[in-house]
Amino acid sequence: MTFEEQLAAGLEGEVVVMGIGNPLRGDDAAGSLVARQILCPPGSRVIDAEDVPESYLPQIIDQRPDTVVLIDAVDLGAAPGSVAFLESNQLAEYWPSTHRMPIGLLMKILEREAHARVIGIGIQPAHTEFSKPLSDPVRVSVERVAAILNDALAHGGLASSAKGEVHA
């Protein structure tokens, strides 16, 4: 099954997409930049959490979505721009994080408290230094992941009763 097929198969019901990343730290901005490119159809919500994803946990938990997608730059030990699905139990090894709360902990909290299916998407950064531009491989991956999510959300049979929202 391709990445596109896996993602489309995982998006069920009401969906929240949260992009995580510090826009001042080069490739660390990847998740945040994906979120900014998502068109928000009915039945979905997009949050550009930047580097404070924990600030949005109460809103997501109260919303009780069926699926939550978290996108972040993660050192996968792979080539820059590589993209992978992440499981919360895999992510303990990806500490330290450039964010206050690591993505693995966010995933576990959302699974437990929102009773949602949580999908993690990691994009391998080339660098995360302050004031550096986004690298070309990560830029390509950001555009690819955003296009795949836009297509999956548009064709995913999402609940039509919820409003689409974008929050920064």
C-alpha atoms as a PDB file:
ATOM      1  CA  MET A   1       0.000   0.000   0.000  1.00  0.00           C
ATOM      2  CA  THR A   2       1.385   3.434  -0.921  1.00  0.00           C
ATOM      3  CA  PHE A   3       1.758   6.338   1.504  1.00  0.00           C
ATOM      4  CA  GLU A   4      -1.230   8.004  -0.175  1.00  0.00           C
ATOM      5  CA  GLU A   5      -3.405   4.909   0.195  1.00  0.00           C
ATOM      6  CA  GLN A   6      -2.393   4.370   3.826  1.00  0.00           C
ATOM      7  CA  LEU A   7      -3.199   7.961   4.718  1.00  0.00           C
ATOM      8  CA  ALA A   8      -6.517   7.995   2.859  1.00  0.00           C
ATOM      9  CA  ALA A   9      -7.499   4.730   4.550  1.00  0.00           C
ATOM     10  CA  GLY A  10      -6.712   6.191   7.960  1.00  0.00           C
ATOM     11  CA  LEU A  11      -8.814   9.348   7.675  1.00  0.00           C
ATOM     12  CA  GLU A  12     -12.229   8.511   9.052  1.00  0.00           C
ATOM     13  CA  GLY A  13     -15.055  10.696  10.290  1.00  0.00           C
ATOM     14  CA  GLU A  14     -14.281  14.110  11.689  1.00  0.00           C
ATOM     15  CA  VAL A  15     -10.584  14.911  11.200  1.00  0.00           C
ATOM     16  CA  VAL A  16      -8.227  17.336  12.924  1.00  0.00           C
ATOM     17  CA  VAL A  17      -4.893  18.019  11.222  1.00  0.00           C
ATOM     18  CA  MET A  18      -2.242  19.637  13.428  1.00  0.00           C
ATOM     19  CA  GLY A  19       0.978  20.949  11.944  1.00  0.00           C
ATOM     20  CA  ILE A  20       3.816  21.329  14.439  1.00  0.00           C
ATOM     21  CA  GLY A  21       7.035  23.276  13.942  1.00  0.00           C
ATOM     22  CA  ASN A  22       9.032  26.356  14.715  1.00  0.00           C
ATOM     23  CA  PRO A  23       8.982  28.660  11.664  1.00  0.00           C
ATOM     24  CA  LEU A  24      12.278  30.225  12.789  1.00  0.00           C
ATOM     25  CA  ARG A  25      14.240  26.943  12.780  1.00  0.00           C
ATOM     26  CA  GLY A  26      14.651  25.947   9.149  1.00  0.00           C
ATOM     27  CA  ASP A  27      13.258  22.495   8.414  1.00  0.00           C
ATOM     28  CA  ASP A  28      11.658  22.292  11.858  1.00  0.00           C
ATOM     29  CA  ALA A  29       8.858  24.381  10.305  1.00  0.00           C
ATOM     30  CA  ALA A  30       7.763  21.446   8.095  1.00  0.00           C
ATOM     31  CA  GLY A  31       4.606  20.455   9.994  1.00  0.00           C
ATOM     32  CA  SER A  32       3.492  24.039  10.419  1.00  0.00           C
ATOM     33  CA  LEU A  33       4.000  24.694   6.700  1.00  0.00           C
ATOM     34  CA  VAL A  34       1.955  21.619   5.762  1.00  0.00           C
ATOM     35  CA  ALA A  35      -0.918  22.890   7.924  1.00  0.00           C
ATOM     36  CA  ARG A  36      -0.835  26.267   6.177  1.00  0.00           C
ATOM     37  CA  GLN A  37      -1.367  24.535   2.818  1.00  0.00           C
ATOM     38  CA  ILE A  38      -4.354  22.423   3.846  1.00  0.00           C
ATOM     39  CA  LEU A  39      -7.711  23.417   2.398  1.00  0.00           C
ATOM     40  CA  CYS A  40     -10.220  22.828   5.138  1.00  0.00           C
ATOM     41  CA  PRO A  41     -13.286  20.972   3.864  1.00  0.00           C
ATOM     42  CA  PRO A  42     -16.364  20.398   6.021  1.00  0.00           C
ATOM     43  CA  GLY A  43     -15.755  17.741   8.642  1.00  0.00           C
ATOM     44  CA  SER A  44     -12.192  18.800   9.224  1.00  0.00           C
ATOM     45  CA  ARG A  45     -10.209  21.295  11.218  1.00  0.00           C
ATOM     46  CA  VAL A  46      -6.637  22.416  10.613  1.00  0.00           C
ATOM     47  CA  ILE A  47      -4.429  23.791  13.362  1.00  0.00           C
ATOM     48  CA  ASP A  48      -1.051  25.414  12.752  1.00  0.00           C
ATOM     49  CA  ALA A  49       0.248  24.850  16.282  1.00  0.00           C
ATOM     50  CA  GLU A  50       3.777  26.035  15.519  1.00  0.00           C
ATOM     51  CA  ASP A  51       5.943  25.024  18.509  1.00  0.00           C
ATOM     52  CA  VAL A  52       3.187  24.956  21.164  1.00  0.00           C
ATOM     53  CA  PRO A  53       0.963  22.000  20.208  1.00  0.00           C
ATOM     54  CA  GLU A  54       0.068  21.347  23.846  1.00  0.00           C
ATOM     55  CA  SER A  55      -1.882  24.628  23.859  1.00  0.00           C
ATOM     56  CA  TYR A  56      -4.445  23.063  21.497  1.00  0.00           C
ATOM     57  CA  LEU A  57      -4.965  19.776  23.357  1.00  0.00           C
ATOM     58  CA  PRO A  58      -8.049  20.928  25.342  1.00  0.00           C
ATOM     59  CA  GLN A  59      -9.799  22.129  22.156  1.00  0.00           C
ATOM     60  CA  ILE A  60      -9.110  18.869  20.327  1.00  0.00           C
ATOM     61  CA  ILE A  61     -10.132  16.728  23.304  1.00  0.00           C
ATOM     62  CA  ASP A  62     -13.391  18.680  23.682  1.00  0.00           C
ATOM     63  CA  GLN A  63     -14.090  18.342  19.944  1.00  0.00           C
ATOM     64  CA  ARG A  64     -13.712  14.522  20.114  1.00  0.00           C
ATOM     65  CA  PRO A  65     -12.684  14.014  16.488  1.00  0.00           C
ATOM     66  CA  ASP A  66     -12.518  10.534  15.020  1.00  0.00           C
ATOM     67  CA  THR A  67      -9.020  11.031  13.593  1.00  0.00           C
ATOM     68  CA  VAL A  68      -6.140  13.351  14.476  1.00  0.00           C
ATOM     69  CA  VAL A  69      -3.170  13.772  12.132  1.00  0.00           C
ATOM     70  CA  LEU A  70      -0.002  15.253  13.636  1.00  0.00           C
ATOM     71  CA  ILE A  71       2.753  16.397  11.268  1.00  0.00           C
ATOM     72  CA  ASP A  72       6.207  17.311  12.551  1.00  0.00           C
ATOM     73  CA  ALA A  73       9.861  17.342  11.578  1.00  0.00           C
ATOM     74  CA  VAL A  74      11.366  14.249  13.193  1.00  0.00           C
ATOM     75  CA  ASP A  75      14.890  12.879  13.006  1.00  0.00           C
ATOM     76  CA  LEU A  76      14.133   9.519  11.445  1.00  0.00           C
ATOM     77  CA  GLY A  77      17.773   8.782  10.720  1.00  0.00           C
ATOM     78  CA  ALA A  78      16.878   8.949   7.017  1.00  0.00           C
ATOM     79  CA  ALA A  79      17.629  11.168   4.036  1.00  0.00           C
ATOM     80  CA  PRO A  80      16.395  14.777   4.322  1.00  0.00           C
ATOM     81  CA  GLY A  81      12.807  15.050   3.142  1.00  0.00           C
ATOM     82  CA  SER A  82      11.982  11.401   3.909  1.00  0.00           C
ATOM     83  CA  VAL A  83       8.420  10.940   5.149  1.00  0.00           C
ATOM     84  CA  ALA A  84       7.201   8.221   7.515  1.00  0.00           C
ATOM     85  CA  PHE A  85       4.140   7.217   9.486  1.00  0.00           C
ATOM     86  CA  LEU A  86       4.835   7.302  13.214  1.00  0.00           C
ATOM     87  CA  GLU A  87       3.373   5.257  16.041  1.00  0.00           C
ATOM     88  CA  SER A  88       3.272   6.782  19.530  1.00  0.00           C
ATOM     89  CA  ASN A  89       5.210   3.852  20.981  1.00  0.00           C
ATOM     90  CA  GLN A  90       8.032   4.404  18.441  1.00  0.00           C
ATOM     91  CA  LEU A  91       8.530   8.018  19.331  1.00  0.00           C
ATOM     92  CA  ALA A  92      10.184   7.677  22.732  1.00  0.00           C
ATOM     93  CA  GLU A  93      13.431   7.255  20.810  1.00  0.00           C
ATOM     94  CA  TYR A  94      12.964  10.623  19.057  1.00  0.00           C
ATOM     95  CA  TRP A  95      13.765  12.699  22.146  1.00  0.00           C
ATOM     96  CA  PRO A  96      14.828  15.473  22.499  1.00  0.00           C
ATOM     97  CA  SER A  97      12.290  17.520  20.614  1.00  0.00           C
ATOM     98  CA  THR A  98      12.546  21.157  19.580  1.00  0.00           C
ATOM     99  CA  HIS A  99       9.062  21.603  21.075  1.00  0.00           C
ATOM    100  CA  ARG A 100       7.981  21.766  24.679  1.00  0.00           C
ATOM    101  CA  MET A 101       6.031  18.513  24.380  1.00  0.00           C
ATOM    102  CA  PRO A 102       7.304  15.693  22.150  1.00  0.00           C
ATOM    103  CA  ILE A 103       5.007  14.334  19.444  1.00  0.00           C
ATOM    104  CA  GLY A 104       4.937  10.850  20.995  1.00  0.00           C
ATOM    105  CA  LEU A 105       3.470  12.226  24.223  1.00  0.00           C
ATOM    106  CA  LEU A 106       0.932  14.308  22.264  1.00  0.00           C
ATOM    107  CA  MET A 107      -0.159  11.191  20.401  1.00  0.00           C
ATOM    108  CA  LYS A 108      -0.641   9.199  23.599  1.00  0.00           C
ATOM    109  CA  ILE A 109      -2.628  11.984  25.291  1.00  0.00           C
ATOM    110  CA  LEU A 110      -4.924  12.397  22.265  1.00  0.00           C
ATOM    111  CA  GLU A 111      -5.474   8.644  21.954  1.00  0.00           C
ATOM    112  CA  ARG A 112      -6.377   8.378  25.627  1.00  0.00           C
ATOM    113  CA  GLU A 113      -8.336  11.604  26.192  1.00  0.00           C
ATOM    114  CA  ALA A 114     -10.008  12.257  22.826  1.00  0.00           C
ATOM    115  CA  HIS A 115     -10.491   8.557  22.037  1.00  0.00           C
ATOM    116  CA  ALA A 116      -9.323   9.363  18.524  1.00  0.00           C
ATOM    117  CA  ARG A 117      -7.247   7.457  16.053  1.00  0.00           C
ATOM    118  CA  VAL A 118      -3.972   9.394  15.940  1.00  0.00           C
ATOM    119  CA  ILE A 119      -1.761   9.326  12.865  1.00  0.00           C
ATOM    120  CA  GLY A 120       1.741  10.754  13.114  1.00  0.00           C
ATOM    121  CA  ILE A 121       3.609  11.893  10.028  1.00  0.00           C
ATOM    122  CA  GLY A 122       7.297  12.663  10.386  1.00  0.00           C
ATOM    123  CA  ILE A 123       9.387  14.566   7.861  1.00  0.00           C
ATOM    124  CA  GLN A 124      13.164  14.165   8.132  1.00  0.00           C
ATOM    125  CA  PRO A 125      14.836  17.598   8.474  1.00  0.00           C
ATOM    126  CA  ALA A 126      18.191  18.445   6.921  1.00  0.00           C
ATOM    127  CA  HIS A 127      18.767  21.118   9.589  1.00  0.00           C
ATOM    128  CA  THR A 128      16.896  22.916  12.383  1.00  0.00           C
ATOM    129  CA  GLU A 129      19.179  25.888  12.994  1.00  0.00           C
ATOM    130  CA  PHE A 130      17.721  29.310  13.727  1.00  0.00           C
ATOM    131  CA  SER A 131      17.229  31.679  10.775  1.00  0.00           C
ATOM    132  CA  LYS A 132      18.016  29.067   8.132  1.00  0.00           C
ATOM    133  CA  PRO A 133      15.669  28.653   5.171  1.00  0.00           C
ATOM    134  CA  LEU A 134      13.739  25.485   4.483  1.00  0.00           C
ATOM    135  CA  SER A 135      15.894  22.951   2.615  1.00  0.00           C
ATOM    136  CA  ASP A 136      14.836  21.882  -0.882  1.00  0.00           C
ATOM    137  CA  PRO A 137      14.167  18.214   0.042  1.00  0.00           C
ATOM    138  CA  VAL A 138      11.924  19.244   2.938  1.00  0.00           C
ATOM    139  CA  ARG A 139      10.125  21.841   0.806  1.00  0.00           C
ATOM    140  CA  VAL A 140       9.277  19.102  -1.729  1.00  0.00           C
ATOM    141  CA  SER A 141       8.019  16.824   1.065  1.00  0.00           C
ATOM    142  CA  VAL A 142       5.920  19.594   2.626  1.00  0.00           C
ATOM    143  CA  GLU A 143       4.212  20.203  -0.709  1.00  0.00           C
ATOM    144  CA  ARG A 144       3.734  16.463  -1.300  1.00  0.00           C
ATOM    145  CA  VAL A 145       2.272  15.760   2.152  1.00  0.00           C
ATOM    146  CA  ALA A 146      -0.042  18.791   1.880  1.00  0.00           C
ATOM    147  CA  ALA A 147      -1.262  17.673  -1.566  1.00  0.00           C
ATOM    148  CA  ILE A 148      -1.875  14.121  -0.339  1.00  0.00           C
ATOM    149  CA  LEU A 149      -3.765  15.371   2.727  1.00  0.00           C
ATOM    150  CA  ASN A 150      -5.835  17.801   0.655  1.00  0.00           C
ATOM    151  CA  ASP A 151      -6.798  15.003  -1.723  1.00  0.00           C
ATOM    152  CA  ALA A 152      -7.549  12.539   1.090  1.00  0.00           C
ATOM    153  CA  LEU A 153      -9.626  15.078   3.026  1.00  0.00           C
ATOM    154  CA  ALA A 154     -11.570  16.063  -0.088  1.00  0.00           C
ATOM    155  CA  HIS A 155     -12.406  12.426  -0.878  1.00  0.00           C
ATOM    156  CA  GLY A 156     -12.430  10.886   2.580  1.00  0.00           C
ATOM    157  CA  GLY A 157     -16.138  10.748   3.339  1.00  0.00           C
ATOM    158  CA  LEU A 158     -15.807  13.209   6.179  1.00  0.00           C
ATOM    159  CA  ALA A 159     -18.751  14.139   8.353  1.00  0.00           C
ATOM    160  CA  SER A 160     -20.543  16.992   6.630  1.00  0.00           C
ATOM    161  CA  SER A 161     -22.033  18.472   9.762  1.00  0.00           C
ATOM    162  CA  ALA A 162     -18.834  20.009  11.177  1.00  0.00           C
ATOM    163  CA  LYS A 163     -17.398  23.312  10.044  1.00  0.00           C
ATOM    164  CA  GLY A 164     -13.979  23.552   8.465  1.00  0.00           C
ATOM    165  CA  GLU A 165     -11.669  25.864  10.389  1.00  0.00           C
ATOM    166  CA  VAL A 166      -8.061  26.981  10.183  1.00  0.00           C
ATOM    167  CA  HIS A 167      -6.306  28.194  13.325  1.00  0.00           C
ATOM    168  CA  ALA A 168      -2.831  29.676  13.602  1.00  0.00           C
END
